Amino acid sequence: MSAKDDLVAELGKLGARDPEAARLMGMVMALAGEVFVLKAQLERLTRALETGGAVDAKRLAAAAAQEGMTKWLEAEEAAFARSLTAPYLEPDLSVNATKWMRSE
């Protein structure tokens, strides 16, 4: 396998060109890893419940259609969106220290 085929080596080159891009890519990869772990856990739980007879596709669809689930999902989605965008949409409460950080 050549170095070009090695994804980790290719991603590592980003840091040499642009440290900010490398940091961002690292964050994206970490979050993607968390999503994968949660997806695998959900699959294991679903399979275990199906095997035990507690859940099947029909019951899952019915639970998703319940009014309580719909209301919970709407509220959770709104809270998630607010917390995710807060750093960009809400003013920073900290003191602006820029004037002390610059040398003239």
PDB file of N, CA and C in Angstrom:
ATOM      1  N   MET A   1       0.846  -1.164   0.000  1.00  0.00           N
ATOM      2  CA  MET A   1       0.000   0.000   0.000  1.00  0.00           C
ATOM      3  C   MET A   1       0.899   1.238   0.000  1.00  0.00           C
ATOM      4  N   SER A   2       0.619   2.171  -0.888  1.00  0.00           N
ATOM      5  CA  SER A   2       1.410   3.401  -0.963  1.00  0.00           C
ATOM      6  C   SER A   2       0.912   4.405   0.071  1.00  0.00           C
ATOM      7  N   ALA A   3       1.738   5.419   0.325  1.00  0.00           N
ATOM      8  CA  ALA A   3       1.364   6.460   1.291  1.00  0.00           C
ATOM      9  C   ALA A   3       0.096   7.174   0.849  1.00  0.00           C
ATOM     10  N   LYS A   4      -0.119   7.262  -0.461  1.00  0.00           N
ATOM     11  CA  LYS A   4      -1.313   7.939  -0.976  1.00  0.00           C
ATOM     12  C   LYS A   4      -2.580   7.166  -0.620  1.00  0.00           C
ATOM     13  N   ASP A   5      -2.468   5.845  -0.481  1.00  0.00           N
ATOM     14  CA  ASP A   5      -3.615   5.020  -0.131  1.00  0.00           C
ATOM     15  C   ASP A   5      -3.913   5.065   1.366  1.00  0.00           C
ATOM     16  N   ASP A   6      -2.988   5.580   2.139  1.00  0.00           N
ATOM     17  CA  ASP A   6      -3.150   5.615   3.587  1.00  0.00           C
ATOM     18  C   ASP A   6      -3.888   6.891   3.987  1.00  0.00           C
ATOM     19  N   LEU A   7      -5.150   6.767   4.363  1.00  0.00           N
ATOM     20  CA  LEU A   7      -5.979   7.922   4.685  1.00  0.00           C
ATOM     21  C   LEU A   7      -5.415   8.723   5.846  1.00  0.00           C
ATOM     22  N   VAL A   8      -4.923   8.051   6.865  1.00  0.00           N
ATOM     23  CA  VAL A   8      -4.377   8.758   8.022  1.00  0.00           C
ATOM     24  C   VAL A   8      -3.170   9.598   7.618  1.00  0.00           C
ATOM     25  N   ALA A   9      -2.310   9.044   6.774  1.00  0.00           N
ATOM     26  CA  ALA A   9      -1.141   9.799   6.308  1.00  0.00           C
ATOM     27  C   ALA A   9      -1.581  11.013   5.489  1.00  0.00           C
ATOM     28  N   GLU A  10      -2.589  10.833   4.663  1.00  0.00           N
ATOM     29  CA  GLU A  10      -3.086  11.945   3.848  1.00  0.00           C
ATOM     30  C   GLU A  10      -3.687  13.034   4.725  1.00  0.00           C
ATOM     31  N   LEU A  11      -4.470  12.636   5.732  1.00  0.00           N
ATOM     32  CA  LEU A  11      -5.059  13.626   6.634  1.00  0.00           C
ATOM     33  C   LEU A  11      -3.984  14.321   7.448  1.00  0.00           C
ATOM     34  N   GLY A  12      -2.924  13.623   7.779  1.00  0.00           N
ATOM     35  CA  GLY A  12      -1.823  14.216   8.522  1.00  0.00           C
ATOM     36  C   GLY A  12      -1.143  15.344   7.762  1.00  0.00           C
ATOM     37  N   LYS A  13      -1.178  15.280   6.447  1.00  0.00           N
ATOM     38  CA  LYS A  13      -0.573  16.322   5.620  1.00  0.00           C
ATOM     39  C   LYS A  13      -1.306  17.653   5.769  1.00  0.00           C
ATOM     40  N   LEU A  14      -2.577  17.598   6.158  1.00  0.00           N
ATOM     41  CA  LEU A  14      -3.335  18.836   6.345  1.00  0.00           C
ATOM     42  C   LEU A  14      -2.684  19.712   7.401  1.00  0.00           C
ATOM     43  N   GLY A  15      -2.196  19.101   8.471  1.00  0.00           N
ATOM     44  CA  GLY A  15      -1.572  19.855   9.550  1.00  0.00           C
ATOM     45  C   GLY A  15      -0.331  20.599   9.104  1.00  0.00           C
ATOM     46  N   ALA A  16       0.396  20.015   8.171  1.00  0.00           N
ATOM     47  CA  ALA A  16       1.600  20.670   7.674  1.00  0.00           C
ATOM     48  C   ALA A  16       1.243  21.903   6.846  1.00  0.00           C
ATOM     49  N   ARG A  17       0.092  21.857   6.185  1.00  0.00           N
ATOM     50  CA  ARG A  17      -0.325  22.985   5.340  1.00  0.00           C
ATOM     51  C   ARG A  17      -1.110  24.021   6.122  1.00  0.00           C
ATOM     52  N   ASP A  18      -2.024  23.569   6.974  1.00  0.00           N
ATOM     53  CA  ASP A  18      -2.913  24.489   7.667  1.00  0.00           C
ATOM     54  C   ASP A  18      -3.316  23.893   9.016  1.00  0.00           C
ATOM     55  N   PRO A  19      -2.726  24.363  10.096  1.00  0.00           N
ATOM     56  CA  PRO A  19      -3.032  23.807  11.415  1.00  0.00           C
ATOM     57  C   PRO A  19      -4.509  23.947  11.791  1.00  0.00           C
ATOM     58  N   GLU A  20      -5.163  25.026  11.361  1.00  0.00           N
ATOM     59  CA  GLU A  20      -6.586  25.211  11.673  1.00  0.00           C
ATOM     60  C   GLU A  20      -7.426  24.141  10.978  1.00  0.00           C
ATOM     61  N   ALA A  21      -7.097  23.840   9.724  1.00  0.00           N
ATOM     62  CA  ALA A  21      -7.818  22.802   8.993  1.00  0.00           C
ATOM     63  C   ALA A  21      -7.602  21.445   9.652  1.00  0.00           C
ATOM     64  N   ALA A  22      -6.388  21.205  10.136  1.00  0.00           N
ATOM     65  CA  ALA A  22      -6.094  19.936  10.810  1.00  0.00           C
ATOM     66  C   ALA A  22      -6.900  19.819  12.103  1.00  0.00           C
ATOM     67  N   ARG A  23      -7.006  20.923  12.859  1.00  0.00           N
ATOM     68  CA  ARG A  23      -7.794  20.910  14.089  1.00  0.00           C
ATOM     69  C   ARG A  23      -9.265  20.658  13.793  1.00  0.00           C
ATOM     70  N   LEU A  24      -9.770  21.323  12.778  1.00  0.00           N
ATOM     71  CA  LEU A  24     -11.165  21.145  12.393  1.00  0.00           C
ATOM     72  C   LEU A  24     -11.419  19.710  11.940  1.00  0.00           C
ATOM     73  N   MET A  25     -10.513  19.172  11.148  1.00  0.00           N
ATOM     74  CA  MET A  25     -10.669  17.787  10.686  1.00  0.00           C
ATOM     75  C   MET A  25     -10.630  16.828  11.870  1.00  0.00           C
ATOM     76  N   GLY A  26      -9.762  17.089  12.836  1.00  0.00           N
ATOM     77  CA  GLY A  26      -9.705  16.252  14.027  1.00  0.00           C
ATOM     78  C   GLY A  26     -11.017  16.273  14.789  1.00  0.00           C
ATOM     79  N   MET A  27     -11.618  17.464  14.898  1.00  0.00           N
ATOM     80  CA  MET A  27     -12.897  17.573  15.594  1.00  0.00           C
ATOM     81  C   MET A  27     -13.995  16.826  14.831  1.00  0.00           C
ATOM     82  N   VAL A  28     -14.016  16.993  13.523  1.00  0.00           N
ATOM     83  CA  VAL A  28     -15.018  16.300  12.706  1.00  0.00           C
ATOM     84  C   VAL A  28     -14.854  14.792  12.834  1.00  0.00           C
ATOM     85  N   MET A  29     -13.610  14.318  12.796  1.00  0.00           N
ATOM     86  CA  MET A  29     -13.372  12.876  12.908  1.00  0.00           C
ATOM     87  C   MET A  29     -13.778  12.359  14.287  1.00  0.00           C
ATOM     88  N   ALA A  30     -13.514  13.128  15.341  1.00  0.00           N
ATOM     89  CA  ALA A  30     -13.904  12.716  16.690  1.00  0.00           C
ATOM     90  C   ALA A  30     -15.425  12.628  16.802  1.00  0.00           C
ATOM     91  N   LEU A  31     -16.127  13.614  16.274  1.00  0.00           N
ATOM     92  CA  LEU A  31     -17.587  13.592  16.320  1.00  0.00           C
ATOM     93  C   LEU A  31     -18.152  12.453  15.471  1.00  0.00           C
ATOM     94  N   ALA A  32     -17.546  12.216  14.324  1.00  0.00           N
ATOM     95  CA  ALA A  32     -17.989  11.107  13.482  1.00  0.00           C
ATOM     96  C   ALA A  32     -17.797   9.777  14.202  1.00  0.00           C
ATOM     97  N   GLY A  33     -16.702   9.653  14.944  1.00  0.00           N
ATOM     98  CA  GLY A  33     -16.473   8.448  15.734  1.00  0.00           C
ATOM     99  C   GLY A  33     -17.546   8.262  16.790  1.00  0.00           C
ATOM    100  N   GLU A  34     -17.951   9.341  17.441  1.00  0.00           N
ATOM    101  CA  GLU A  34     -19.020   9.269  18.446  1.00  0.00           C
ATOM    102  C   GLU A  34     -20.337   8.839  17.808  1.00  0.00           C
ATOM    103  N   VAL A  35     -20.635   9.381  16.627  1.00  0.00           N
ATOM    104  CA  VAL A  35     -21.859   8.992  15.920  1.00  0.00           C
ATOM    105  C   VAL A  35     -21.822   7.502  15.595  1.00  0.00           C
ATOM    106  N   PHE A  36     -20.668   7.014  15.151  1.00  0.00           N
ATOM    107  CA  PHE A  36     -20.546   5.593  14.830  1.00  0.00           C
ATOM    108  C   PHE A  36     -20.785   4.725  16.066  1.00  0.00           C
ATOM    109  N   VAL A  37     -20.202   5.121  17.193  1.00  0.00           N
ATOM    110  CA  VAL A  37     -20.377   4.359  18.436  1.00  0.00           C
ATOM    111  C   VAL A  37     -21.851   4.330  18.836  1.00  0.00           C
ATOM    112  N   LEU A  38     -22.518   5.474  18.761  1.00  0.00           N
ATOM    113  CA  LEU A  38     -23.938   5.525  19.115  1.00  0.00           C
ATOM    114  C   LEU A  38     -24.788   4.703  18.149  1.00  0.00           C
ATOM    115  N   LYS A  39     -24.453   4.746  16.882  1.00  0.00           N
ATOM    116  CA  LYS A  39     -25.183   3.964  15.884  1.00  0.00           C
ATOM    117  C   LYS A  39     -25.029   2.463  16.159  1.00  0.00           C
ATOM    118  N   ALA A  40     -23.823   2.040  16.482  1.00  0.00           N
ATOM    119  CA  ALA A  40     -23.582   0.629  16.795  1.00  0.00           C
ATOM    120  C   ALA A  40     -24.327   0.217  18.062  1.00  0.00           C
ATOM    121  N   GLN A  41     -24.334   1.090  19.071  1.00  0.00           N
ATOM    122  CA  GLN A  41     -25.043   0.773  20.316  1.00  0.00           C
ATOM    123  C   GLN A  41     -26.542   0.665  20.060  1.00  0.00           C
ATOM    124  N   LEU A  42     -27.094   1.568  19.277  1.00  0.00           N
ATOM    125  CA  LEU A  42     -28.518   1.508  18.939  1.00  0.00           C
ATOM    126  C   LEU A  42     -28.844   0.216  18.196  1.00  0.00           C
ATOM    127  N   GLU A  43     -27.992  -0.184  17.279  1.00  0.00           N
ATOM    128  CA  GLU A  43     -28.223  -1.433  16.540  1.00  0.00           C
ATOM    129  C   GLU A  43     -28.198  -2.639  17.477  1.00  0.00           C
ATOM    130  N   ARG A  44     -27.222  -2.671  18.406  1.00  0.00           N
ATOM    131  CA  ARG A  44     -27.151  -3.777  19.369  1.00  0.00           C
ATOM    132  C   ARG A  44     -28.403  -3.829  20.236  1.00  0.00           C
ATOM    133  N   LEU A  45     -28.832  -2.685  20.728  1.00  0.00           N
ATOM    134  CA  LEU A  45     -30.031  -2.638  21.574  1.00  0.00           C
ATOM    135  C   LEU A  45     -31.272  -3.080  20.801  1.00  0.00           C
ATOM    136  N   THR A  46     -31.413  -2.590  19.575  1.00  0.00           N
ATOM    137  CA  THR A  46     -32.565  -2.962  18.747  1.00  0.00           C
ATOM    138  C   THR A  46     -32.573  -4.463  18.493  1.00  0.00           C
ATOM    139  N   ARG A  47     -31.420  -5.026  18.152  1.00  0.00           N
ATOM    140  CA  ARG A  47     -31.353  -6.475  17.900  1.00  0.00           C
ATOM    141  C   ARG A  47     -31.676  -7.281  19.154  1.00  0.00           C
ATOM    142  N   ALA A  48     -31.158  -6.824  20.298  1.00  0.00           N
ATOM    143  CA  ALA A  48     -31.432  -7.538  21.551  1.00  0.00           C
ATOM    144  C   ALA A  48     -32.922  -7.489  21.887  1.00  0.00           C
ATOM    145  N   LEU A  49     -33.546  -6.359  21.704  1.00  0.00           N
ATOM    146  CA  LEU A  49     -34.975  -6.225  21.993  1.00  0.00           C
ATOM    147  C   LEU A  49     -35.820  -7.037  21.014  1.00  0.00           C
ATOM    148  N   GLU A  50     -35.418  -7.055  19.746  1.00  0.00           N
ATOM    149  CA  GLU A  50     -36.141  -7.865  18.756  1.00  0.00           C
ATOM    150  C   GLU A  50     -36.017  -9.343  19.079  1.00  0.00           C
ATOM    151  N   THR A  51     -34.820  -9.787  19.451  1.00  0.00           N
ATOM    152  CA  THR A  51     -34.587 -11.190  19.791  1.00  0.00           C
ATOM    153  C   THR A  51     -35.428 -11.597  20.997  1.00  0.00           C
ATOM    154  N   GLY A  52     -35.530 -10.708  21.969  1.00  0.00           N
ATOM    155  CA  GLY A  52     -36.332 -10.982  23.165  1.00  0.00           C
ATOM    156  C   GLY A  52     -37.818 -10.814  22.949  1.00  0.00           C
ATOM    157  N   GLY A  53     -38.225 -10.351  21.783  1.00  0.00           N
ATOM    158  CA  GLY A  53     -39.640 -10.188  21.477  1.00  0.00           C
ATOM    159  C   GLY A  53     -40.246  -8.906  22.036  1.00  0.00           C
ATOM    160  N   ALA A  54     -39.438  -8.051  22.598  1.00  0.00           N
ATOM    161  CA  ALA A  54     -39.966  -6.827  23.205  1.00  0.00           C
ATOM    162  C   ALA A  54     -40.257  -5.752  22.164  1.00  0.00           C
ATOM    163  N   VAL A  55     -39.588  -5.828  21.028  1.00  0.00           N
ATOM    164  CA  VAL A  55     -39.708  -4.770  20.021  1.00  0.00           C
ATOM    165  C   VAL A  55     -39.591  -5.376  18.638  1.00  0.00           C
ATOM    166  N   ASP A  56     -40.292  -4.779  17.694  1.00  0.00           N
ATOM    167  CA  ASP A  56     -40.122  -5.117  16.285  1.00  0.00           C
ATOM    168  C   ASP A  56     -40.326  -3.835  15.481  1.00  0.00           C
ATOM    169  N   ALA A  57     -40.158  -3.904  14.185  1.00  0.00           N
ATOM    170  CA  ALA A  57     -40.241  -2.712  13.344  1.00  0.00           C
ATOM    171  C   ALA A  57     -41.605  -2.033  13.460  1.00  0.00           C
ATOM    172  N   LYS A  58     -42.643  -2.825  13.574  1.00  0.00           N
ATOM    173  CA  LYS A  58     -43.993  -2.271  13.682  1.00  0.00           C
ATOM    174  C   LYS A  58     -44.161  -1.478  14.986  1.00  0.00           C
ATOM    175  N   ARG A  59     -43.661  -2.024  16.085  1.00  0.00           N
ATOM    176  CA  ARG A  59     -43.757  -1.336  17.379  1.00  0.00           C
ATOM    177  C   ARG A  59     -42.899  -0.070  17.398  1.00  0.00           C
ATOM    178  N   LEU A  60     -41.726  -0.137  16.786  1.00  0.00           N
ATOM    179  CA  LEU A  60     -40.876   1.052  16.712  1.00  0.00           C
ATOM    180  C   LEU A  60     -41.554   2.157  15.903  1.00  0.00           C
ATOM    181  N   ALA A  61     -42.178   1.797  14.798  1.00  0.00           N
ATOM    182  CA  ALA A  61     -42.883   2.783  13.978  1.00  0.00           C
ATOM    183  C   ALA A  61     -44.051   3.384  14.751  1.00  0.00           C
ATOM    184  N   ALA A  62     -44.762   2.562  15.498  1.00  0.00           N
ATOM    185  CA  ALA A  62     -45.893   3.058  16.291  1.00  0.00           C
ATOM    186  C   ALA A  62     -45.413   4.014  17.386  1.00  0.00           C
ATOM    187  N   ALA A  63     -44.302   3.692  18.025  1.00  0.00           N
ATOM    188  CA  ALA A  63     -43.761   4.559  19.068  1.00  0.00           C
ATOM    189  C   ALA A  63     -43.310   5.896  18.475  1.00  0.00           C
ATOM    190  N   ALA A  64     -42.743   5.863  17.287  1.00  0.00           N
ATOM    191  CA  ALA A  64     -42.292   7.089  16.634  1.00  0.00           C
ATOM    192  C   ALA A  64     -43.464   7.989  16.267  1.00  0.00           C
ATOM    193  N   ALA A  65     -44.623   7.394  16.012  1.00  0.00           N
ATOM    194  CA  ALA A  65     -45.794   8.164  15.591  1.00  0.00           C
ATOM    195  C   ALA A  65     -46.614   8.705  16.766  1.00  0.00           C
ATOM    196  N   GLN A  66     -46.295   8.287  17.983  1.00  0.00           N
ATOM    197  CA  GLN A  66     -47.063   8.748  19.140  1.00  0.00           C
ATOM    198  C   GLN A  66     -46.875  10.249  19.340  1.00  0.00           C
ATOM    199  N   GLU A  67     -47.947  10.909  19.804  1.00  0.00           N
ATOM    200  CA  GLU A  67     -47.913  12.359  20.004  1.00  0.00           C
ATOM    201  C   GLU A  67     -46.825  12.758  21.004  1.00  0.00           C
ATOM    202  N   GLY A  68     -46.673  12.000  22.071  1.00  0.00           N
ATOM    203  CA  GLY A  68     -45.658  12.308  23.069  1.00  0.00           C
ATOM    204  C   GLY A  68     -44.258  12.268  22.493  1.00  0.00           C
ATOM    205  N   MET A  69     -44.002  11.305  21.630  1.00  0.00           N
ATOM    206  CA  MET A  69     -42.684  11.200  21.004  1.00  0.00           C
ATOM    207  C   MET A  69     -42.449  12.369  20.060  1.00  0.00           C
ATOM    208  N   THR A  70     -43.481  12.729  19.315  1.00  0.00           N
ATOM    209  CA  THR A  70     -43.375  13.849  18.387  1.00  0.00           C
ATOM    210  C   THR A  70     -43.081  15.145  19.141  1.00  0.00           C
ATOM    211  N   LYS A  71     -43.776  15.383  20.246  1.00  0.00           N
ATOM    212  CA  LYS A  71     -43.545  16.586  21.053  1.00  0.00           C
ATOM    213  C   LYS A  71     -42.146  16.575  21.664  1.00  0.00           C
ATOM    214  N   TRP A  72     -41.737  15.427  22.168  1.00  0.00           N
ATOM    215  CA  TRP A  72     -40.393  15.326  22.747  1.00  0.00           C
ATOM    216  C   TRP A  72     -39.336  15.630  21.688  1.00  0.00           C
ATOM    217  N   LEU A  73     -39.498  15.049  20.500  1.00  0.00           N
ATOM    218  CA  LEU A  73     -38.533  15.236  19.428  1.00  0.00           C
ATOM    219  C   LEU A  73     -38.450  16.703  19.006  1.00  0.00           C
ATOM    220  N   GLU A  74     -39.586  17.376  18.911  1.00  0.00           N
ATOM    221  CA  GLU A  74     -39.591  18.795  18.542  1.00  0.00           C
ATOM    222  C   GLU A  74     -38.847  19.622  19.584  1.00  0.00           C
ATOM    223  N   ALA A  75     -39.139  19.389  20.863  1.00  0.00           N
ATOM    224  CA  ALA A  75     -38.483  20.135  21.939  1.00  0.00           C
ATOM    225  C   ALA A  75     -36.988  19.833  21.981  1.00  0.00           C
ATOM    226  N   GLU A  76     -36.634  18.574  21.833  1.00  0.00           N
ATOM    227  CA  GLU A  76     -35.218  18.172  21.872  1.00  0.00           C
ATOM    228  C   GLU A  76     -34.459  18.753  20.693  1.00  0.00           C
ATOM    229  N   GLU A  77     -35.078  18.747  19.528  1.00  0.00           N
ATOM    230  CA  GLU A  77     -34.436  19.298  18.331  1.00  0.00           C
ATOM    231  C   GLU A  77     -34.202  20.802  18.493  1.00  0.00           C
ATOM    232  N   ALA A  78     -35.179  21.511  19.039  1.00  0.00           N
ATOM    233  CA  ALA A  78     -35.040  22.954  19.246  1.00  0.00           C
ATOM    234  C   ALA A  78     -33.933  23.249  20.261  1.00  0.00           C
ATOM    235  N   ALA A  79     -33.892  22.498  21.351  1.00  0.00           N
ATOM    236  CA  ALA A  79     -32.858  22.699  22.370  1.00  0.00           C
ATOM    237  C   ALA A  79     -31.476  22.393  21.797  1.00  0.00           C
ATOM    238  N   PHE A  80     -31.381  21.358  21.007  1.00  0.00           N
ATOM    239  CA  PHE A  80     -30.122  20.980  20.385  1.00  0.00           C
ATOM    240  C   PHE A  80     -29.643  22.081  19.437  1.00  0.00           C
ATOM    241  N   ALA A  81     -30.550  22.576  18.609  1.00  0.00           N
ATOM    242  CA  ALA A  81     -30.187  23.631  17.659  1.00  0.00           C
ATOM    243  C   ALA A  81     -29.744  24.892  18.390  1.00  0.00           C
ATOM    244  N   ARG A  82     -30.446  25.242  19.479  1.00  0.00           N
ATOM    245  CA  ARG A  82     -30.061  26.429  20.249  1.00  0.00           C
ATOM    246  C   ARG A  82     -28.675  26.268  20.852  1.00  0.00           C
ATOM    247  N   SER A  83     -28.418  25.124  21.451  1.00  0.00           N
ATOM    248  CA  SER A  83     -27.110  24.934  22.090  1.00  0.00           C
ATOM    249  C   SER A  83     -25.986  24.838  21.068  1.00  0.00           C
ATOM    250  N   LEU A  84     -26.266  24.276  19.915  1.00  0.00           N
ATOM    251  CA  LEU A  84     -25.254  24.140  18.874  1.00  0.00           C
ATOM    252  C   LEU A  84     -24.881  25.486  18.259  1.00  0.00           C
ATOM    253  N   THR A  85     -25.866  26.359  18.080  1.00  0.00           N
ATOM    254  CA  THR A  85     -25.618  27.637  17.424  1.00  0.00           C
ATOM    255  C   THR A  85     -25.357  28.785  18.400  1.00  0.00           C
ATOM    256  N   ALA A  86     -25.491  28.549  19.696  1.00  0.00           N
ATOM    257  CA  ALA A  86     -25.321  29.616  20.687  1.00  0.00           C
ATOM    258  C   ALA A  86     -23.991  30.359  20.559  1.00  0.00           C
ATOM    259  N   PRO A  87     -22.875  29.672  20.364  1.00  0.00           N
ATOM    260  CA  PRO A  87     -21.614  30.417  20.255  1.00  0.00           C
ATOM    261  C   PRO A  87     -21.584  31.397  19.082  1.00  0.00           C
ATOM    262  N   TYR A  88     -22.412  31.174  18.084  1.00  0.00           N
ATOM    263  CA  TYR A  88     -22.415  32.038  16.912  1.00  0.00           C
ATOM    264  C   TYR A  88     -23.499  33.107  16.966  1.00  0.00           C
ATOM    265  N   LEU A  89     -24.588  32.815  17.684  1.00  0.00           N
ATOM    266  CA  LEU A  89     -25.739  33.719  17.669  1.00  0.00           C
ATOM    267  C   LEU A  89     -25.894  34.558  18.932  1.00  0.00           C
ATOM    268  N   GLU A  90     -25.302  34.142  20.024  1.00  0.00           N
ATOM    269  CA  GLU A  90     -25.437  34.876  21.275  1.00  0.00           C
ATOM    270  C   GLU A  90     -24.152  35.641  21.560  1.00  0.00           C
ATOM    271  N   PRO A  91     -24.273  36.809  22.147  1.00  0.00           N
ATOM    272  CA  PRO A  91     -23.053  37.579  22.440  1.00  0.00           C
ATOM    273  C   PRO A  91     -22.190  36.875  23.477  1.00  0.00           C
ATOM    274  N   ASP A  92     -20.895  37.085  23.347  1.00  0.00           N
ATOM    275  CA  ASP A  92     -19.942  36.512  24.300  1.00  0.00           C
ATOM    276  C   ASP A  92     -20.007  37.336  25.583  1.00  0.00           C
ATOM    277  N   LEU A  93     -20.221  36.678  26.710  1.00  0.00           N
ATOM    278  CA  LEU A  93     -20.362  37.377  27.974  1.00  0.00           C
ATOM    279  C   LEU A  93     -19.026  37.752  28.597  1.00  0.00           C
ATOM    280  N   SER A  94     -17.937  37.245  28.042  1.00  0.00           N
ATOM    281  CA  SER A  94     -16.624  37.552  28.616  1.00  0.00           C
ATOM    282  C   SER A  94     -16.173  38.951  28.214  1.00  0.00           C
ATOM    283  N   VAL A  95     -15.263  39.488  28.979  1.00  0.00           N
ATOM    284  CA  VAL A  95     -14.715  40.814  28.702  1.00  0.00           C
ATOM    285  C   VAL A  95     -13.824  40.736  27.470  1.00  0.00           C
ATOM    286  N   ASN A  96     -13.948  41.715  26.597  1.00  0.00           N
ATOM    287  CA  ASN A  96     -13.101  41.766  25.410  1.00  0.00           C
ATOM    288  C   ASN A  96     -11.697  42.187  25.843  1.00  0.00           C
ATOM    289  N   ALA A  97     -10.770  41.264  25.820  1.00  0.00           N
ATOM    290  CA  ALA A  97      -9.405  41.505  26.276  1.00  0.00           C
ATOM    291  C   ALA A  97      -8.443  41.764  25.128  1.00  0.00           C
ATOM    292  N   THR A  98      -8.970  41.996  23.937  1.00  0.00           N
ATOM    293  CA  THR A  98      -8.119  42.160  22.761  1.00  0.00           C
ATOM    294  C   THR A  98      -7.101  43.273  22.940  1.00  0.00           C
ATOM    295  N   LYS A  99      -7.511  44.408  23.532  1.00  0.00           N
ATOM    296  CA  LYS A  99      -6.580  45.521  23.662  1.00  0.00           C
ATOM    297  C   LYS A  99      -5.361  45.185  24.514  1.00  0.00           C
ATOM    298  N   TRP A 100      -5.477  44.247  25.428  1.00  0.00           N
ATOM    299  CA  TRP A 100      -4.346  43.850  26.263  1.00  0.00           C
ATOM    300  C   TRP A 100      -3.480  42.791  25.603  1.00  0.00           C
ATOM    301  N   MET A 101      -3.983  42.188  24.542  1.00  0.00           N
ATOM    302  CA  MET A 101      -3.262  41.109  23.875  1.00  0.00           C
ATOM    303  C   MET A 101      -2.387  41.613  22.742  1.00  0.00           C
ATOM    304  N   ARG A 102      -2.589  42.825  22.306  1.00  0.00           N
ATOM    305  CA  ARG A 102      -1.826  43.358  21.181  1.00  0.00           C
ATOM    306  C   ARG A 102      -0.670  44.215  21.678  1.00  0.00           C
ATOM    307  N   SER A 103       0.451  44.088  21.028  1.00  0.00           N
ATOM    308  CA  SER A 103       1.570  44.961  21.362  1.00  0.00           C
ATOM    309  C   SER A 103       1.688  46.006  20.269  1.00  0.00           C
ATOM    310  N   GLU A 104       1.943  47.213  20.643  1.00  0.00           N
ATOM    311  CA  GLU A 104       2.004  48.309  19.683  1.00  0.00           C
ATOM    312  C   GLU A 104       3.430  48.562  19.279  1.00  0.00           C
TER     313      GLU A 104
END
